[in-house]
């Protein structure tokens, strides 16, 4: 992967790490599923009136929207609302890299290299170290919801890769358009019409700022860069970069929300970085 592409991947890592803090704040201010609905509504509108649809089969665009918008953030927002910390959720969600590798092997026939497998195991060891340090304070259901969110993200990655070299912005914007209606329906069923109407009627500038960050830097900019990278490199090469998201996520949680980072978590973070380095290394020809 060229160095400039690595820098783009690291920019996404920084945005998505801080993204967990903003999601945590949004699900404290709004019903969690409604917050996800508003995020993707803002991401899709009015952009769909200015961005051409991607040259990809419609089922891939719809599938991406359901996997990335509806499933990923439906599960993740509920997990954060039900007790997952921003830092721990940013960590557990990165199991998506392994789901991506597995799904890419099954659905796309991409065989990971030996160094990628070794790097993934090293990084997974780092994730396990940090997770075990925090798991005692985390309920099982939010953890399972976060793992389901990671599986959804892995599927979205594979669908993006299958779409090929299409317009990354178009794919992200039109995929985002798929998510709001099912998210709103789920919000009405789970959170209730009164909660939805009350949140919308009391919607203020602070709520708008949270949704704006989630919609534009985190969804459109980050998603477009990510889709662009996946269209030009194997999914097994791009996906492991998100293993760095827990580092920025843990740091953001500490600085903004006061979540504590222990020496054991620092050790786990070092393993995650080492695993990423091993994963992206290429054996000399």
C-alpha atoms as a PDB file:
ATOM      1  CA  UNK A   1       0.000   0.000   0.000  1.00  0.00           C
ATOM      2  CA  UNK A   2       1.499   3.407  -0.959  1.00  0.00           C
ATOM      3  CA  UNK A   3       2.489   5.688   1.923  1.00  0.00           C
ATOM      4  CA  UNK A   4      -0.157   8.297   1.040  1.00  0.00           C
ATOM      5  CA  UNK A   5      -2.815   5.578   1.230  1.00  0.00           C
ATOM      6  CA  UNK A   6      -1.477   4.611   4.658  1.00  0.00           C
ATOM      7  CA  UNK A   7      -1.856   8.236   5.761  1.00  0.00           C
ATOM      8  CA  UNK A   8      -5.476   8.263   4.544  1.00  0.00           C
ATOM      9  CA  UNK A   9      -6.153   5.086   6.514  1.00  0.00           C
ATOM     10  CA  UNK A  10      -4.632   6.690   9.632  1.00  0.00           C
ATOM     11  CA  UNK A  11      -6.839   9.787   9.182  1.00  0.00           C
ATOM     12  CA  UNK A  12      -9.896   7.531   9.202  1.00  0.00           C
ATOM     13  CA  UNK A  13      -8.541   5.798  12.305  1.00  0.00           C
ATOM     14  CA  UNK A  14      -8.297   9.142  14.142  1.00  0.00           C
ATOM     15  CA  UNK A  15     -11.819  10.207  13.124  1.00  0.00           C
ATOM     16  CA  UNK A  16     -13.387   6.854  13.963  1.00  0.00           C
ATOM     17  CA  UNK A  17     -11.631   6.655  17.326  1.00  0.00           C
ATOM     18  CA  UNK A  18     -13.110   9.985  18.441  1.00  0.00           C
ATOM     19  CA  UNK A  19     -16.388   8.905  16.854  1.00  0.00           C
ATOM     20  CA  UNK A  20     -17.063   6.554  19.794  1.00  0.00           C
ATOM     21  CA  UNK A  21     -16.975   9.420  22.270  1.00  0.00           C
ATOM     22  CA  UNK A  22     -19.457  11.370  20.154  1.00  0.00           C
ATOM     23  CA  UNK A  23     -21.741   8.327  19.807  1.00  0.00           C
ATOM     24  CA  UNK A  24     -21.649   7.858  23.581  1.00  0.00           C
ATOM     25  CA  UNK A  25     -22.661  11.491  24.065  1.00  0.00           C
ATOM     26  CA  UNK A  26     -25.402  11.185  21.421  1.00  0.00           C
ATOM     27  CA  UNK A  27     -27.038   8.110  23.002  1.00  0.00           C
ATOM     28  CA  UNK A  28     -27.046   9.915  26.355  1.00  0.00           C
ATOM     29  CA  UNK A  29     -28.804  12.900  24.786  1.00  0.00           C
ATOM     30  CA  UNK A  30     -31.188  11.030  22.445  1.00  0.00           C
ATOM     31  CA  UNK A  31     -32.847   7.624  22.150  1.00  0.00           C
ATOM     32  CA  UNK A  32     -29.990   5.467  20.754  1.00  0.00           C
ATOM     33  CA  UNK A  33     -31.673   4.033  17.663  1.00  0.00           C
ATOM     34  CA  UNK A  34     -33.189   7.416  16.816  1.00  0.00           C
ATOM     35  CA  UNK A  35     -29.684   8.917  17.093  1.00  0.00           C
ATOM     36  CA  UNK A  36     -28.484   6.421  14.474  1.00  0.00           C
ATOM     37  CA  UNK A  37     -31.480   7.273  12.274  1.00  0.00           C
ATOM     38  CA  UNK A  38     -30.724  11.009  12.466  1.00  0.00           C
ATOM     39  CA  UNK A  39     -27.045  10.338  11.722  1.00  0.00           C
ATOM     40  CA  UNK A  40     -27.768   8.584   8.449  1.00  0.00           C
ATOM     41  CA  UNK A  41     -30.572  10.948   7.501  1.00  0.00           C
ATOM     42  CA  UNK A  42     -28.101  13.841   7.758  1.00  0.00           C
ATOM     43  CA  UNK A  43     -25.462  11.844   5.885  1.00  0.00           C
ATOM     44  CA  UNK A  44     -27.839  11.090   2.993  1.00  0.00           C
ATOM     45  CA  UNK A  45     -29.784  14.365   2.736  1.00  0.00           C
ATOM     46  CA  UNK A  46     -29.290  16.610   0.886  1.00  0.00           C
ATOM     47  CA  UNK A  47     -26.183  14.877  -0.524  1.00  0.00           C
ATOM     48  CA  UNK A  48     -28.184  12.412  -2.659  1.00  0.00           C
ATOM     49  CA  UNK A  49     -29.464  15.340  -4.731  1.00  0.00           C
ATOM     50  CA  UNK A  50     -25.905  16.301  -5.691  1.00  0.00           C
ATOM     51  CA  UNK A  51     -24.051  12.966  -5.784  1.00  0.00           C
ATOM     52  CA  UNK A  52     -24.635  10.505  -8.606  1.00  0.00           C
ATOM     53  CA  UNK A  53     -25.557   6.925  -7.706  1.00  0.00           C
ATOM     54  CA  UNK A  54     -22.531   4.610  -7.785  1.00  0.00           C
ATOM     55  CA  UNK A  55     -22.057   2.305 -10.754  1.00  0.00           C
ATOM     56  CA  UNK A  56     -22.644  -0.776  -8.668  1.00  0.00           C
ATOM     57  CA  UNK A  57     -25.482  -3.329  -8.549  1.00  0.00           C
ATOM     58  CA  UNK A  58     -28.350  -1.990  -6.478  1.00  0.00           C
ATOM     59  CA  UNK A  59     -28.313  -5.006  -4.162  1.00  0.00           C
ATOM     60  CA  UNK A  60     -24.741  -4.196  -3.100  1.00  0.00           C
ATOM     61  CA  UNK A  61     -25.677  -0.582  -2.299  1.00  0.00           C
ATOM     62  CA  UNK A  62     -28.761  -1.693  -0.343  1.00  0.00           C
ATOM     63  CA  UNK A  63     -26.820  -4.473   1.372  1.00  0.00           C
ATOM     64  CA  UNK A  64     -24.082  -2.041   2.360  1.00  0.00           C
ATOM     65  CA  UNK A  65     -26.625   0.437   3.733  1.00  0.00           C
ATOM     66  CA  UNK A  66     -28.357  -2.240   5.802  1.00  0.00           C
ATOM     67  CA  UNK A  67     -25.094  -3.736   7.087  1.00  0.00           C
ATOM     68  CA  UNK A  68     -23.210  -0.488   7.783  1.00  0.00           C
ATOM     69  CA  UNK A  69     -26.055   1.851   8.676  1.00  0.00           C
ATOM     70  CA  UNK A  70     -28.896  -0.213  10.083  1.00  0.00           C
ATOM     71  CA  UNK A  71     -27.160  -3.221  11.670  1.00  0.00           C
ATOM     72  CA  UNK A  72     -23.773  -1.818  12.705  1.00  0.00           C
ATOM     73  CA  UNK A  73     -25.037   1.364  14.332  1.00  0.00           C
ATOM     74  CA  UNK A  74     -28.278  -0.141  15.557  1.00  0.00           C
ATOM     75  CA  UNK A  75     -26.304  -2.709  17.562  1.00  0.00           C
ATOM     76  CA  UNK A  76     -23.501  -0.320  18.552  1.00  0.00           C
ATOM     77  CA  UNK A  77     -25.720   2.530  19.735  1.00  0.00           C
ATOM     78  CA  UNK A  78     -27.760   0.161  21.880  1.00  0.00           C
ATOM     79  CA  UNK A  79     -24.585  -1.375  23.328  1.00  0.00           C
ATOM     80  CA  UNK A  80     -23.280   2.076  24.304  1.00  0.00           C
ATOM     81  CA  UNK A  81     -26.633   3.082  25.754  1.00  0.00           C
ATOM     82  CA  UNK A  82     -26.778  -0.148  27.790  1.00  0.00           C
ATOM     83  CA  UNK A  83     -23.406   0.220  29.444  1.00  0.00           C
ATOM     84  CA  UNK A  84     -20.468  -0.265  27.062  1.00  0.00           C
ATOM     85  CA  UNK A  85     -17.825   2.425  27.535  1.00  0.00           C
ATOM     86  CA  UNK A  86     -16.630   4.383  24.497  1.00  0.00           C
ATOM     87  CA  UNK A  87     -13.097   3.034  24.886  1.00  0.00           C
ATOM     88  CA  UNK A  88     -14.092  -0.622  25.277  1.00  0.00           C
ATOM     89  CA  UNK A  89     -16.588  -0.479  22.418  1.00  0.00           C
ATOM     90  CA  UNK A  90     -13.912   0.993  20.132  1.00  0.00           C
ATOM     91  CA  UNK A  91     -11.772  -1.991  21.080  1.00  0.00           C
ATOM     92  CA  UNK A  92     -14.269  -4.842  20.782  1.00  0.00           C
ATOM     93  CA  UNK A  93     -15.648  -3.518  17.500  1.00  0.00           C
ATOM     94  CA  UNK A  94     -12.256  -4.073  15.866  1.00  0.00           C
ATOM     95  CA  UNK A  95     -12.910  -7.785  15.780  1.00  0.00           C
ATOM     96  CA  UNK A  96     -14.512  -6.690  12.490  1.00  0.00           C
ATOM     97  CA  UNK A  97     -11.036  -7.091  10.950  1.00  0.00           C
ATOM     98  CA  UNK A  98     -11.179 -10.809  11.601  1.00  0.00           C
ATOM     99  CA  UNK A  99     -14.803 -11.070  10.479  1.00  0.00           C
ATOM    100  CA  UNK A 100     -13.759  -9.227   7.298  1.00  0.00           C
ATOM    101  CA  UNK A 101     -10.905 -11.635   6.615  1.00  0.00           C
ATOM    102  CA  UNK A 102     -13.143 -14.647   7.211  1.00  0.00           C
ATOM    103  CA  UNK A 103     -16.018 -13.324   5.080  1.00  0.00           C
ATOM    104  CA  UNK A 104     -13.627 -12.207   2.317  1.00  0.00           C
ATOM    105  CA  UNK A 105     -12.206 -15.732   2.232  1.00  0.00           C
ATOM    106  CA  UNK A 106     -15.661 -17.335   2.065  1.00  0.00           C
ATOM    107  CA  UNK A 107     -17.399 -14.849  -0.264  1.00  0.00           C
ATOM    108  CA  UNK A 108     -14.551 -13.396  -2.340  1.00  0.00           C
ATOM    109  CA  UNK A 109     -11.977 -16.168  -2.292  1.00  0.00           C
ATOM    110  CA  UNK A 110      -9.300 -13.848  -0.810  1.00  0.00           C
ATOM    111  CA  UNK A 111      -6.705 -15.958   0.966  1.00  0.00           C
ATOM    112  CA  UNK A 112      -4.897 -14.056   3.733  1.00  0.00           C
ATOM    113  CA  UNK A 113      -1.116 -14.308   3.737  1.00  0.00           C
ATOM    114  CA  UNK A 114       0.717 -16.023   6.578  1.00  0.00           C
ATOM    115  CA  UNK A 115       2.003 -12.682   7.915  1.00  0.00           C
ATOM    116  CA  UNK A 116      -1.545 -11.310   7.922  1.00  0.00           C
ATOM    117  CA  UNK A 117      -2.728 -14.271   9.979  1.00  0.00           C
ATOM    118  CA  UNK A 118       0.193 -13.917  12.406  1.00  0.00           C
ATOM    119  CA  UNK A 119      -0.357 -10.163  12.688  1.00  0.00           C
ATOM    120  CA  UNK A 120      -4.072 -10.687  13.296  1.00  0.00           C
ATOM    121  CA  UNK A 121      -3.314 -13.163  16.087  1.00  0.00           C
ATOM    122  CA  UNK A 122      -0.868 -10.743  17.723  1.00  0.00           C
ATOM    123  CA  UNK A 123      -3.374  -7.891  17.485  1.00  0.00           C
ATOM    124  CA  UNK A 124      -6.172 -10.120  18.776  1.00  0.00           C
ATOM    125  CA  UNK A 125      -3.971 -10.947  21.768  1.00  0.00           C
ATOM    126  CA  UNK A 126      -3.685  -7.202  22.431  1.00  0.00           C
ATOM    127  CA  UNK A 127      -7.447  -6.794  22.153  1.00  0.00           C
ATOM    128  CA  UNK A 128      -7.931  -9.736  24.535  1.00  0.00           C
ATOM    129  CA  UNK A 129      -5.560  -8.165  27.092  1.00  0.00           C
ATOM    130  CA  UNK A 130      -7.463  -4.863  27.103  1.00  0.00           C
ATOM    131  CA  UNK A 131     -10.883  -6.534  27.019  1.00  0.00           C
ATOM    132  CA  UNK A 132     -10.100  -8.785  29.988  1.00  0.00           C
ATOM    133  CA  UNK A 133      -8.960  -5.736  31.920  1.00  0.00           C
ATOM    134  CA  UNK A 134     -12.332  -4.025  31.371  1.00  0.00           C
ATOM    135  CA  UNK A 135     -14.737  -6.923  31.009  1.00  0.00           C
ATOM    136  CA  UNK A 136     -15.372  -7.227  34.742  1.00  0.00           C
ATOM    137  CA  UNK A 137     -17.303  -3.947  34.643  1.00  0.00           C
ATOM    138  CA  UNK A 138     -19.237  -4.719  31.456  1.00  0.00           C
ATOM    139  CA  UNK A 139     -22.501  -6.657  31.158  1.00  0.00           C
ATOM    140  CA  UNK A 140     -22.625  -9.579  28.744  1.00  0.00           C
ATOM    141  CA  UNK A 141     -25.497  -8.342  26.555  1.00  0.00           C
ATOM    142  CA  UNK A 142     -23.831  -5.038  25.528  1.00  0.00           C
ATOM    143  CA  UNK A 143     -20.666  -7.009  24.709  1.00  0.00           C
ATOM    144  CA  UNK A 144     -22.637  -9.402  22.482  1.00  0.00           C
ATOM    145  CA  UNK A 145     -24.328  -6.450  20.790  1.00  0.00           C
ATOM    146  CA  UNK A 146     -20.932  -4.923  20.055  1.00  0.00           C
ATOM    147  CA  UNK A 147     -19.709  -8.210  18.555  1.00  0.00           C
ATOM    148  CA  UNK A 148     -22.809  -8.314  16.336  1.00  0.00           C
ATOM    149  CA  UNK A 149     -21.973  -4.759  15.267  1.00  0.00           C
ATOM    150  CA  UNK A 150     -18.457  -5.956  14.387  1.00  0.00           C
ATOM    151  CA  UNK A 151     -19.887  -8.795  12.282  1.00  0.00           C
ATOM    152  CA  UNK A 152     -22.110  -6.268  10.475  1.00  0.00           C
ATOM    153  CA  UNK A 153     -19.103  -4.065   9.748  1.00  0.00           C
ATOM    154  CA  UNK A 154     -17.192  -7.036   8.372  1.00  0.00           C
ATOM    155  CA  UNK A 155     -20.069  -7.781   5.993  1.00  0.00           C
ATOM    156  CA  UNK A 156     -20.196  -4.113   4.926  1.00  0.00           C
ATOM    157  CA  UNK A 157     -16.457  -4.241   4.165  1.00  0.00           C
ATOM    158  CA  UNK A 158     -16.877  -7.295   1.952  1.00  0.00           C
ATOM    159  CA  UNK A 159     -19.837  -5.744   0.091  1.00  0.00           C
ATOM    160  CA  UNK A 160     -17.764  -2.599  -0.474  1.00  0.00           C
ATOM    161  CA  UNK A 161     -14.891  -4.677  -1.800  1.00  0.00           C
ATOM    162  CA  UNK A 162     -17.243  -6.620  -4.086  1.00  0.00           C
ATOM    163  CA  UNK A 163     -18.553  -3.349  -5.545  1.00  0.00           C
ATOM    164  CA  UNK A 164     -15.018  -2.650  -6.832  1.00  0.00           C
ATOM    165  CA  UNK A 165     -13.695   0.711  -8.018  1.00  0.00           C
ATOM    166  CA  UNK A 166     -16.906   2.715  -7.845  1.00  0.00           C
ATOM    167  CA  UNK A 167     -17.371   6.271  -6.598  1.00  0.00           C
ATOM    168  CA  UNK A 168     -16.564   6.023  -2.900  1.00  0.00           C
ATOM    169  CA  UNK A 169     -18.625   9.119  -2.077  1.00  0.00           C
ATOM    170  CA  UNK A 170     -21.579   7.913  -4.139  1.00  0.00           C
ATOM    171  CA  UNK A 171     -21.458   4.456  -2.582  1.00  0.00           C
ATOM    172  CA  UNK A 172     -21.377   5.908   0.931  1.00  0.00           C
ATOM    173  CA  UNK A 173     -24.080   8.539   0.362  1.00  0.00           C
ATOM    174  CA  UNK A 174     -26.538   6.260  -1.437  1.00  0.00           C
ATOM    175  CA  UNK A 175     -25.836   3.451   1.020  1.00  0.00           C
ATOM    176  CA  UNK A 176     -26.616   5.873   3.850  1.00  0.00           C
ATOM    177  CA  UNK A 177     -29.995   6.592   2.244  1.00  0.00           C
ATOM    178  CA  UNK A 178     -31.030   2.979   2.876  1.00  0.00           C
ATOM    179  CA  UNK A 179     -30.610   3.119   6.663  1.00  0.00           C
ATOM    180  CA  UNK A 180     -32.947   5.852   8.047  1.00  0.00           C
ATOM    181  CA  UNK A 181     -36.335   4.236   7.323  1.00  0.00           C
ATOM    182  CA  UNK A 182     -35.615   0.834   8.945  1.00  0.00           C
ATOM    183  CA  UNK A 183     -33.843   2.608  11.829  1.00  0.00           C
ATOM    184  CA  UNK A 184     -36.855   4.881  12.376  1.00  0.00           C
ATOM    185  CA  UNK A 185     -39.200   1.886  12.285  1.00  0.00           C
ATOM    186  CA  UNK A 186     -37.029   0.061  14.826  1.00  0.00           C
ATOM    187  CA  UNK A 187     -36.855   3.176  17.021  1.00  0.00           C
ATOM    188  CA  UNK A 188     -40.631   3.503  17.052  1.00  0.00           C
ATOM    189  CA  UNK A 189     -40.998  -0.178  17.990  1.00  0.00           C
ATOM    190  CA  UNK A 190     -38.243  -0.343  20.627  1.00  0.00           C
ATOM    191  CA  UNK A 191     -38.085   3.190  22.035  1.00  0.00           C
ATOM    192  CA  UNK A 192     -41.720   4.153  21.473  1.00  0.00           C
ATOM    193  CA  UNK A 193     -43.455   7.021  19.636  1.00  0.00           C
ATOM    194  CA  UNK A 194     -43.507   9.234  22.743  1.00  0.00           C
ATOM    195  CA  UNK A 195     -39.726   9.040  23.180  1.00  0.00           C
ATOM    196  CA  UNK A 196     -39.156   9.723  19.479  1.00  0.00           C
ATOM    197  CA  UNK A 197     -41.533  12.700  19.339  1.00  0.00           C
ATOM    198  CA  UNK A 198     -40.162  14.107  22.601  1.00  0.00           C
ATOM    199  CA  UNK A 199     -36.548  13.858  21.400  1.00  0.00           C
ATOM    200  CA  UNK A 200     -37.331  15.536  18.084  1.00  0.00           C
ATOM    201  CA  UNK A 201     -39.386  18.332  19.672  1.00  0.00           C
ATOM    202  CA  UNK A 202     -36.590  19.025  22.168  1.00  0.00           C
ATOM    203  CA  UNK A 203     -33.801  18.765  19.582  1.00  0.00           C
ATOM    204  CA  UNK A 204     -31.251  21.531  20.241  1.00  0.00           C
ATOM    205  CA  UNK A 205     -27.977  22.934  18.945  1.00  0.00           C
ATOM    206  CA  UNK A 206     -25.853  20.566  21.016  1.00  0.00           C
ATOM    207  CA  UNK A 207     -27.772  17.591  19.590  1.00  0.00           C
ATOM    208  CA  UNK A 208     -27.319  19.014  16.089  1.00  0.00           C
ATOM    209  CA  UNK A 209     -23.565  19.347  16.624  1.00  0.00           C
ATOM    210  CA  UNK A 210     -23.283  15.712  17.711  1.00  0.00           C
ATOM    211  CA  UNK A 211     -25.309  14.465  14.728  1.00  0.00           C
ATOM    212  CA  UNK A 212     -23.333  16.697  12.340  1.00  0.00           C
ATOM    213  CA  UNK A 213     -20.023  15.188  13.439  1.00  0.00           C
ATOM    214  CA  UNK A 214     -21.407  11.656  13.180  1.00  0.00           C
ATOM    215  CA  UNK A 215     -22.901  12.337   9.740  1.00  0.00           C
ATOM    216  CA  UNK A 216     -20.123  14.238   7.993  1.00  0.00           C
ATOM    217  CA  UNK A 217     -16.565  13.542   9.227  1.00  0.00           C
ATOM    218  CA  UNK A 218     -17.366  10.111  10.722  1.00  0.00           C
ATOM    219  CA  UNK A 219     -19.774   8.743   8.099  1.00  0.00           C
ATOM    220  CA  UNK A 220     -19.277  10.583   4.799  1.00  0.00           C
ATOM    221  CA  UNK A 221     -15.594  11.505   4.934  1.00  0.00           C
ATOM    222  CA  UNK A 222     -14.421   8.433   6.815  1.00  0.00           C
ATOM    223  CA  UNK A 223     -16.723   6.082   4.924  1.00  0.00           C
ATOM    224  CA  UNK A 224     -15.790   7.496   1.523  1.00  0.00           C
ATOM    225  CA  UNK A 225     -12.046   7.209   2.188  1.00  0.00           C
ATOM    226  CA  UNK A 226     -12.545   3.681   3.521  1.00  0.00           C
ATOM    227  CA  UNK A 227     -14.588   2.603   0.506  1.00  0.00           C
ATOM    228  CA  UNK A 228     -11.964   4.144  -1.804  1.00  0.00           C
ATOM    229  CA  UNK A 229      -9.180   2.184  -0.094  1.00  0.00           C
ATOM    230  CA  UNK A 230     -11.157  -1.064  -0.171  1.00  0.00           C
ATOM    231  CA  UNK A 231     -11.743  -0.593  -3.886  1.00  0.00           C
ATOM    232  CA  UNK A 232      -7.978  -0.456  -4.529  1.00  0.00           C
ATOM    233  CA  UNK A 233      -6.477  -2.902  -2.043  1.00  0.00           C
ATOM    234  CA  UNK A 234      -7.389  -6.375  -0.707  1.00  0.00           C
ATOM    235  CA  UNK A 235      -9.840  -6.267   2.187  1.00  0.00           C
ATOM    236  CA  UNK A 236      -7.372  -8.254   4.292  1.00  0.00           C
ATOM    237  CA  UNK A 237      -4.827  -5.406   3.892  1.00  0.00           C
ATOM    238  CA  UNK A 238      -7.166  -2.468   4.557  1.00  0.00           C
ATOM    239  CA  UNK A 239      -9.318  -3.875   7.380  1.00  0.00           C
ATOM    240  CA  UNK A 240      -6.486  -4.380   9.922  1.00  0.00           C
ATOM    241  CA  UNK A 241      -5.834  -0.623  10.036  1.00  0.00           C
ATOM    242  CA  UNK A 242      -8.960  -0.312  12.154  1.00  0.00           C
ATOM    243  CA  UNK A 243      -7.098  -2.231  14.849  1.00  0.00           C
ATOM    244  CA  UNK A 244      -5.601   1.176  15.658  1.00  0.00           C
ATOM    245  CA  UNK A 245      -9.034   2.669  16.333  1.00  0.00           C
ATOM    246  CA  UNK A 246      -9.052   1.403  19.959  1.00  0.00           C
ATOM    247  CA  UNK A 247      -5.892   3.418  20.615  1.00  0.00           C
ATOM    248  CA  UNK A 248      -7.527   6.693  19.557  1.00  0.00           C
ATOM    249  CA  UNK A 249     -10.814   5.530  21.071  1.00  0.00           C
ATOM    250  CA  UNK A 250      -9.287   4.802  24.474  1.00  0.00           C
ATOM    251  CA  UNK A 251      -7.366   8.076  24.414  1.00  0.00           C
ATOM    252  CA  UNK A 252     -10.468  10.071  23.425  1.00  0.00           C
ATOM    253  CA  UNK A 253     -12.518   8.362  26.125  1.00  0.00           C
ATOM    254  CA  UNK A 254      -9.868   9.291  28.687  1.00  0.00           C
ATOM    255  CA  UNK A 255      -9.508  12.921  27.589  1.00  0.00           C
ATOM    256  CA  UNK A 256     -13.200  13.728  26.997  1.00  0.00           C
ATOM    257  CA  UNK A 257     -15.171  11.331  29.223  1.00  0.00           C
ATOM    258  CA  UNK A 258     -12.614  10.642  31.937  1.00  0.00           C
ATOM    259  CA  UNK A 259     -12.459   6.900  31.212  1.00  0.00           C
ATOM    260  CA  UNK A 260      -9.381   5.407  32.854  1.00  0.00           C
ATOM    261  CA  UNK A 261      -6.524   3.801  30.867  1.00  0.00           C
ATOM    262  CA  UNK A 262      -4.512   1.305  32.920  1.00  0.00           C
ATOM    263  CA  UNK A 263      -0.927   0.081  32.370  1.00  0.00           C
ATOM    264  CA  UNK A 264      -2.324  -3.280  31.250  1.00  0.00           C
ATOM    265  CA  UNK A 265      -4.394  -1.520  28.582  1.00  0.00           C
ATOM    266  CA  UNK A 266      -1.283   0.326  27.410  1.00  0.00           C
ATOM    267  CA  UNK A 267       0.472  -3.044  27.071  1.00  0.00           C
ATOM    268  CA  UNK A 268      -2.457  -4.376  25.067  1.00  0.00           C
ATOM    269  CA  UNK A 269      -2.385  -1.304  22.832  1.00  0.00           C
ATOM    270  CA  UNK A 270       1.302  -1.961  22.099  1.00  0.00           C
ATOM    271  CA  UNK A 271       0.391  -5.498  21.006  1.00  0.00           C
ATOM    272  CA  UNK A 272      -2.343  -4.112  18.742  1.00  0.00           C
ATOM    273  CA  UNK A 273       0.124  -1.762  17.048  1.00  0.00           C
ATOM    274  CA  UNK A 274       2.664  -4.579  16.682  1.00  0.00           C
ATOM    275  CA  UNK A 275       0.012  -6.809  15.127  1.00  0.00           C
ATOM    276  CA  UNK A 276      -0.916  -4.123  12.616  1.00  0.00           C
ATOM    277  CA  UNK A 277       2.720  -3.628  11.636  1.00  0.00           C
ATOM    278  CA  UNK A 278       3.162  -7.370  11.081  1.00  0.00           C
ATOM    279  CA  UNK A 279      -0.118  -7.553   9.135  1.00  0.00           C
ATOM    280  CA  UNK A 280       0.750  -4.849   6.610  1.00  0.00           C
ATOM    281  CA  UNK A 281       4.350  -5.991   6.061  1.00  0.00           C
ATOM    282  CA  UNK A 282       5.055  -7.629   2.743  1.00  0.00           C
ATOM    283  CA  UNK A 283       7.706 -10.271   2.352  1.00  0.00           C
ATOM    284  CA  UNK A 284      10.442  -9.103  -0.076  1.00  0.00           C
ATOM    285  CA  UNK A 285      10.089 -10.660  -3.545  1.00  0.00           C
END
